[in-house]
N, C-alpha and C. Protein backbone atom coordinates (compact mmCIF):
# COMPACT_ATOMS: atom_id res chain seq x y z
N GLN A 1 111.88 145.90 83.78
CA GLN A 1 112.90 145.80 84.81
C GLN A 1 113.92 147.00 84.79
N LEU A 2 114.02 147.69 85.77
CA LEU A 2 115.00 148.84 85.73
C LEU A 2 116.42 148.33 85.80
N GLN A 3 117.16 148.80 84.86
CA GLN A 3 118.61 148.45 84.78
C GLN A 3 119.45 149.73 84.64
N LEU A 4 120.61 149.68 85.26
CA LEU A 4 121.56 150.81 85.24
C LEU A 4 122.89 150.29 84.72
N THR A 5 123.50 151.08 83.87
CA THR A 5 124.84 150.65 83.40
C THR A 5 125.74 151.83 83.37
N GLU A 6 126.76 151.68 84.14
CA GLU A 6 127.75 152.81 84.31
C GLU A 6 128.87 152.65 83.26
N SER A 7 129.47 153.78 82.87
CA SER A 7 130.69 153.75 81.95
C SER A 7 131.41 155.06 82.30
N GLY A 8 132.62 155.07 81.81
CA GLY A 8 133.41 156.30 81.81
C GLY A 8 134.57 156.33 82.90
N GLY A 9 134.55 155.27 83.67
CA GLY A 9 135.72 155.32 84.70
C GLY A 9 137.06 155.12 84.05
N GLY A 10 138.11 155.21 84.88
CA GLY A 10 139.46 154.97 84.34
C GLY A 10 140.54 155.55 85.26
N LEU A 11 141.72 155.65 84.68
CA LEU A 11 142.90 156.23 85.46
C LEU A 11 143.03 157.68 85.02
N VAL A 12 143.19 158.56 85.96
CA VAL A 12 143.44 159.91 85.65
C VAL A 12 144.40 160.51 86.61
N GLN A 13 145.12 161.54 86.16
CA GLN A 13 146.10 162.15 87.09
C GLN A 13 145.37 163.12 88.08
N PRO A 14 146.02 163.37 89.17
CA PRO A 14 145.43 164.39 90.10
C PRO A 14 145.25 165.71 89.35
N GLY A 15 144.09 166.29 89.58
CA GLY A 15 143.71 167.54 88.91
C GLY A 15 143.00 167.35 87.64
N GLY A 16 142.92 166.13 87.18
CA GLY A 16 142.22 165.85 85.89
C GLY A 16 140.74 165.69 86.05
N SER A 17 140.10 165.37 84.98
CA SER A 17 138.63 165.22 84.89
C SER A 17 138.20 163.88 84.29
N LEU A 18 137.09 163.44 84.70
CA LEU A 18 136.40 162.32 84.04
C LEU A 18 134.88 162.59 84.07
N ARG A 19 134.14 162.01 83.09
CA ARG A 19 132.75 162.05 83.12
C ARG A 19 132.19 160.68 83.16
N LEU A 20 131.45 160.32 84.19
CA LEU A 20 130.80 159.05 84.31
C LEU A 20 129.37 159.13 83.64
N SER A 21 128.95 158.05 83.03
CA SER A 21 127.59 157.97 82.51
C SER A 21 126.88 156.79 83.13
N CYS A 22 125.58 156.96 83.24
CA CYS A 22 124.70 155.92 83.72
C CYS A 22 123.53 155.85 82.81
N ALA A 23 123.55 154.81 82.01
CA ALA A 23 122.40 154.56 81.04
C ALA A 23 121.35 153.81 81.77
N VAL A 24 120.14 154.30 81.64
CA VAL A 24 118.94 153.71 82.28
C VAL A 24 118.05 152.98 81.32
N SER A 25 117.63 151.87 81.57
CA SER A 25 116.68 151.11 80.73
C SER A 25 115.64 150.50 81.58
N GLY A 26 114.43 150.35 80.93
CA GLY A 26 113.31 149.72 81.69
C GLY A 26 112.53 150.70 82.42
N PHE A 27 112.88 151.95 82.39
CA PHE A 27 112.10 152.98 83.19
C PHE A 27 112.44 154.30 82.59
N ALA A 28 111.45 155.22 82.47
CA ALA A 28 111.65 156.56 82.05
C ALA A 28 112.36 157.38 83.10
N LEU A 29 113.35 158.15 82.67
CA LEU A 29 114.18 158.91 83.62
C LEU A 29 113.24 159.87 84.39
N ASP A 30 112.28 160.38 83.78
CA ASP A 30 111.34 161.32 84.49
C ASP A 30 110.72 160.67 85.74
N ASP A 31 110.70 159.38 85.79
CA ASP A 31 109.96 158.71 86.97
C ASP A 31 110.96 158.29 88.04
N LEU A 32 112.25 158.80 87.97
CA LEU A 32 113.24 158.32 88.85
C LEU A 32 113.99 159.42 89.66
N VAL A 33 114.38 159.12 90.88
CA VAL A 33 115.40 159.83 91.54
C VAL A 33 116.69 158.97 91.42
N LEU A 34 117.78 159.69 90.91
CA LEU A 34 118.99 158.95 90.65
C LEU A 34 120.15 159.57 91.40
N GLY A 35 121.18 158.67 91.69
CA GLY A 35 122.27 159.28 92.38
C GLY A 35 123.51 158.40 92.20
N TRP A 36 124.56 158.85 92.72
CA TRP A 36 125.86 158.08 92.67
C TRP A 36 126.36 157.97 94.13
N PHE A 37 126.90 156.77 94.40
CA PHE A 37 127.71 156.61 95.64
C PHE A 37 128.98 155.94 95.27
N ARG A 38 129.95 155.89 96.19
CA ARG A 38 131.24 155.31 95.91
C ARG A 38 131.64 154.45 97.06
N GLN A 39 132.40 153.42 96.78
CA GLN A 39 132.86 152.47 97.75
C GLN A 39 134.19 151.84 97.36
N ALA A 40 134.99 151.51 98.34
CA ALA A 40 136.25 150.86 98.16
C ALA A 40 136.51 149.95 99.31
N PRO A 41 137.18 148.88 98.98
CA PRO A 41 137.50 147.79 100.08
C PRO A 41 138.17 148.51 101.32
N GLY A 42 137.56 148.21 102.40
CA GLY A 42 138.10 148.75 103.68
C GLY A 42 137.69 150.19 103.98
N LYS A 43 136.86 150.79 103.07
CA LYS A 43 136.38 152.18 103.36
C LYS A 43 134.79 152.12 103.44
N ASP A 44 134.38 153.10 104.08
CA ASP A 44 132.90 153.30 104.21
C ASP A 44 132.32 153.78 102.90
N ARG A 45 131.09 153.33 102.62
CA ARG A 45 130.38 153.78 101.44
C ARG A 45 130.10 155.27 101.64
N GLU A 46 130.24 155.96 100.54
CA GLU A 46 130.06 157.47 100.64
C GLU A 46 129.09 157.96 99.50
N GLY A 47 128.11 158.72 99.95
CA GLY A 47 127.25 159.30 98.99
C GLY A 47 127.88 160.38 98.19
N VAL A 48 127.68 160.49 96.96
CA VAL A 48 128.35 161.53 96.06
C VAL A 48 127.33 162.56 95.65
N SER A 49 126.33 162.13 94.96
CA SER A 49 125.40 163.12 94.43
C SER A 49 124.15 162.54 94.07
N CYS A 50 123.09 163.40 93.94
CA CYS A 50 121.71 162.89 93.60
C CYS A 50 121.00 163.95 92.78
N ILE A 51 120.12 163.45 91.87
CA ILE A 51 119.34 164.38 91.08
C ILE A 51 117.87 163.85 91.08
N SER A 52 117.02 164.86 91.08
CA SER A 52 115.55 164.55 90.88
C SER A 52 115.27 164.85 89.43
N SER A 53 114.96 163.81 88.68
CA SER A 53 114.83 163.95 87.22
C SER A 53 113.63 164.90 86.80
N LYS A 54 112.61 165.00 87.61
CA LYS A 54 111.41 165.77 87.25
C LYS A 54 111.73 167.20 87.29
N ASP A 55 112.54 167.67 88.29
CA ASP A 55 112.71 169.14 88.46
C ASP A 55 114.19 169.52 88.52
N GLY A 56 115.11 168.59 88.39
CA GLY A 56 116.50 168.95 88.35
C GLY A 56 117.12 169.31 89.73
N ILE A 57 116.44 169.15 90.80
CA ILE A 57 117.00 169.37 92.09
C ILE A 57 118.19 168.46 92.31
N THR A 58 119.28 169.01 92.84
CA THR A 58 120.48 168.26 92.98
C THR A 58 121.04 168.36 94.38
N TYR A 59 121.71 167.31 94.87
CA TYR A 59 122.43 167.29 96.11
C TYR A 59 123.81 166.79 95.90
N TYR A 60 124.71 167.23 96.77
CA TYR A 60 126.17 166.77 96.70
C TYR A 60 126.71 166.53 98.08
N GLY A 61 127.60 165.46 98.15
CA GLY A 61 128.30 165.23 99.28
C GLY A 61 129.34 166.33 99.55
N ASP A 62 129.69 166.64 100.83
CA ASP A 62 130.56 167.69 101.11
C ASP A 62 131.93 167.56 100.44
N SER A 63 132.37 166.34 100.29
CA SER A 63 133.78 166.15 99.79
C SER A 63 133.84 166.40 98.24
N VAL A 64 132.72 166.58 97.64
CA VAL A 64 132.71 166.71 96.13
C VAL A 64 132.12 168.06 95.77
N LYS A 65 131.55 168.84 96.70
CA LYS A 65 130.79 170.08 96.32
C LYS A 65 131.84 170.99 95.60
N GLY A 66 131.44 171.59 94.56
CA GLY A 66 132.20 172.56 93.78
C GLY A 66 133.20 171.89 92.73
N ARG A 67 133.24 170.52 92.89
CA ARG A 67 134.13 169.80 91.92
C ARG A 67 133.36 168.89 90.99
N PHE A 68 132.26 168.25 91.50
CA PHE A 68 131.52 167.37 90.69
C PHE A 68 130.15 168.00 90.40
N THR A 69 129.65 167.55 89.26
CA THR A 69 128.32 168.09 88.70
C THR A 69 127.56 166.91 88.21
N ILE A 70 126.32 166.73 88.72
CA ILE A 70 125.44 165.71 88.20
C ILE A 70 124.42 166.41 87.28
N SER A 71 124.11 165.61 86.19
CA SER A 71 123.17 166.15 85.19
C SER A 71 122.40 164.96 84.60
N ARG A 72 121.32 165.28 83.83
CA ARG A 72 120.61 164.25 83.18
C ARG A 72 120.18 164.63 81.81
N ASP A 73 120.10 163.69 80.97
CA ASP A 73 119.57 163.89 79.65
C ASP A 73 118.28 163.00 79.49
N ASN A 74 117.18 163.51 79.70
CA ASN A 74 115.99 162.71 79.70
C ASN A 74 115.71 162.01 78.35
N ALA A 75 116.11 162.66 77.28
CA ALA A 75 115.92 162.16 75.95
C ALA A 75 116.81 160.88 75.73
N GLN A 76 118.00 160.93 76.36
CA GLN A 76 118.89 159.83 76.16
C GLN A 76 118.75 158.79 77.35
N ASN A 77 117.92 159.16 78.29
CA ASN A 77 117.73 158.23 79.48
C ASN A 77 119.03 157.98 80.21
N THR A 78 119.84 159.10 80.31
CA THR A 78 121.14 158.87 80.90
C THR A 78 121.45 159.97 81.92
N VAL A 79 122.13 159.55 82.93
CA VAL A 79 122.60 160.52 83.99
C VAL A 79 124.09 160.62 83.95
N TYR A 80 124.67 161.72 84.15
CA TYR A 80 126.08 161.93 84.05
C TYR A 80 126.69 162.51 85.40
N LEU A 81 127.87 162.15 85.69
CA LEU A 81 128.61 162.81 86.78
C LEU A 81 129.91 163.30 86.21
N GLN A 82 130.00 164.66 86.15
CA GLN A 82 131.22 165.30 85.62
C GLN A 82 132.04 165.51 86.83
N MET A 83 133.30 164.94 86.85
CA MET A 83 134.18 165.05 87.98
C MET A 83 135.39 165.85 87.56
N ASN A 84 135.61 167.00 88.17
CA ASN A 84 136.81 167.83 87.95
C ASN A 84 137.69 167.92 89.13
N SER A 85 138.88 168.40 88.90
CA SER A 85 139.82 168.68 90.04
C SER A 85 139.91 167.42 90.87
N LEU A 86 140.13 166.23 90.24
CA LEU A 86 140.16 164.97 90.89
C LEU A 86 141.37 164.83 91.75
N LYS A 87 141.11 164.17 92.89
CA LYS A 87 142.19 164.02 93.94
C LYS A 87 142.38 162.49 94.12
N PRO A 88 143.60 162.08 94.64
CA PRO A 88 143.77 160.74 94.91
C PRO A 88 142.70 160.06 95.83
N GLU A 89 142.15 160.87 96.75
CA GLU A 89 141.15 160.36 97.64
C GLU A 89 139.75 160.18 96.96
N ASP A 90 139.69 160.48 95.70
CA ASP A 90 138.40 160.19 95.00
C ASP A 90 138.48 158.85 94.33
N THR A 91 139.56 158.12 94.59
CA THR A 91 139.69 156.77 94.10
C THR A 91 138.80 155.82 94.71
N PHE A 92 137.78 155.33 93.92
CA PHE A 92 136.73 154.46 94.46
C PHE A 92 136.15 153.71 93.21
N VAL A 93 135.28 152.74 93.51
CA VAL A 93 134.29 152.30 92.54
C VAL A 93 133.06 153.08 92.69
N TYR A 94 132.61 153.64 91.52
CA TYR A 94 131.46 154.49 91.61
C TYR A 94 130.27 153.73 91.11
N TYR A 95 129.15 153.85 91.84
CA TYR A 95 127.91 153.13 91.47
C TYR A 95 126.77 154.16 91.16
N CYS A 96 126.04 153.86 90.22
CA CYS A 96 124.81 154.61 89.95
C CYS A 96 123.66 153.85 90.62
N ALA A 97 122.70 154.59 91.18
CA ALA A 97 121.58 153.90 91.82
C ALA A 97 120.36 154.81 91.56
N ALA A 98 119.23 154.10 91.64
CA ALA A 98 117.93 154.87 91.27
C ALA A 98 116.84 154.26 92.13
N GLU A 99 115.82 155.16 92.26
CA GLU A 99 114.58 154.70 92.87
C GLU A 99 113.43 155.43 92.20
N PRO A 100 112.26 154.75 91.92
CA PRO A 100 111.11 155.35 91.46
C PRO A 100 110.56 156.35 92.48
N TYR A 101 110.00 157.44 91.99
CA TYR A 101 109.36 158.36 92.87
C TYR A 101 108.30 157.71 93.77
N SER A 102 108.21 158.30 94.97
CA SER A 102 107.16 157.78 95.85
C SER A 102 106.45 159.00 96.38
N VAL A 103 105.07 158.97 96.39
CA VAL A 103 104.31 160.10 96.85
C VAL A 103 104.40 160.30 98.32
N SER A 104 104.85 159.32 99.04
CA SER A 104 104.91 159.34 100.46
C SER A 104 106.30 159.79 101.00
N LYS A 105 107.18 160.06 100.12
CA LYS A 105 108.54 160.47 100.48
C LYS A 105 108.97 161.73 99.80
N THR A 106 109.75 162.54 100.53
CA THR A 106 110.29 163.70 99.92
C THR A 106 111.49 163.34 99.00
N VAL A 107 111.79 164.29 98.05
CA VAL A 107 112.98 164.03 97.20
C VAL A 107 114.22 163.96 97.99
N GLN A 108 114.30 164.89 99.00
CA GLN A 108 115.52 164.72 99.83
C GLN A 108 115.75 163.46 100.54
N SER A 109 114.59 162.88 101.06
CA SER A 109 114.74 161.61 101.75
C SER A 109 115.09 160.48 100.80
N MET A 110 114.55 160.58 99.55
CA MET A 110 114.82 159.59 98.57
C MET A 110 116.33 159.68 98.12
N CYS A 111 116.84 160.89 98.07
CA CYS A 111 118.20 161.02 97.71
C CYS A 111 119.16 160.46 98.79
N VAL A 112 118.74 160.62 100.02
CA VAL A 112 119.55 160.00 101.14
C VAL A 112 119.58 158.46 100.91
N PHE A 113 118.36 157.95 100.61
CA PHE A 113 118.22 156.54 100.42
C PHE A 113 119.09 156.04 99.30
N VAL A 114 118.93 156.71 98.13
CA VAL A 114 119.71 156.26 96.93
C VAL A 114 121.22 156.42 97.08
N THR A 115 121.66 157.52 97.68
CA THR A 115 123.11 157.62 97.77
C THR A 115 123.73 156.86 98.93
N ALA A 116 122.88 156.35 99.75
CA ALA A 116 123.39 155.37 100.71
C ALA A 116 123.42 153.92 100.15
N GLY A 117 123.04 153.78 98.91
CA GLY A 117 123.08 152.49 98.30
C GLY A 117 122.12 151.51 98.91
N MET A 118 120.96 151.99 99.44
CA MET A 118 120.06 151.15 100.15
C MET A 118 118.94 150.51 99.33
N GLY A 119 118.87 151.05 98.14
CA GLY A 119 117.82 150.55 97.23
C GLY A 119 118.06 149.26 96.49
N ASP A 120 117.17 148.88 95.72
CA ASP A 120 117.29 147.59 94.97
C ASP A 120 117.97 147.78 93.67
N TYR A 121 118.09 149.03 93.18
CA TYR A 121 118.52 149.24 91.80
C TYR A 121 119.83 149.96 91.80
N ARG A 122 120.87 149.36 91.30
CA ARG A 122 122.12 149.92 91.16
C ARG A 122 122.88 149.24 90.02
N GLY A 123 123.91 149.96 89.43
CA GLY A 123 124.66 149.40 88.38
C GLY A 123 125.78 148.53 88.95
N GLN A 124 126.64 148.03 88.04
CA GLN A 124 127.76 147.14 88.42
C GLN A 124 128.90 147.85 88.92
N GLY A 125 128.98 149.23 88.73
CA GLY A 125 130.13 149.94 89.24
C GLY A 125 131.12 150.19 88.14
N THR A 126 131.82 151.32 88.31
CA THR A 126 132.91 151.65 87.42
C THR A 126 134.05 152.19 88.23
N GLN A 127 135.30 151.75 88.02
CA GLN A 127 136.40 152.02 88.79
C GLN A 127 136.98 153.46 88.35
N VAL A 128 137.26 154.27 89.33
CA VAL A 128 137.91 155.50 89.07
C VAL A 128 139.18 155.57 89.93
N THR A 129 140.34 155.66 89.33
CA THR A 129 141.57 155.71 89.95
C THR A 129 142.28 157.05 89.64
N VAL A 130 142.68 157.85 90.75
CA VAL A 130 143.33 159.09 90.53
C VAL A 130 144.72 158.90 91.13
N SER A 131 145.66 158.94 90.23
CA SER A 131 147.01 158.65 90.57
C SER A 131 147.95 159.23 89.57
N SER A 132 149.16 159.63 90.08
CA SER A 132 150.19 160.15 89.12
C SER A 132 151.16 159.00 88.84
């Protein structure tokens, strides 16, 4: 059973940094497309970033490009989201999500699926609050 566990959220001042971690169990990282999306009460769900574990291809939402970096450590079965230059509008609950590779789908389409939170596999979320 694929399970995802996020950690690393917290309170940070504007301009600060946080690194979120997503520990994966029950599945080898090499077999997954993984991503992050974020959501807050009263706000639309927003795709943040995605990574294809096999080849390292990455995608980013427009609002985080140049500030956030997604990476993976296949040996640790963990995906990271390094968030720099944080802004108050980055305040959300951040969710890690994953899908096993499918031969019938492109990586890009799987990333859209994962970062839209449409799959069956996601973590419990970790709160990020950016405030002075």
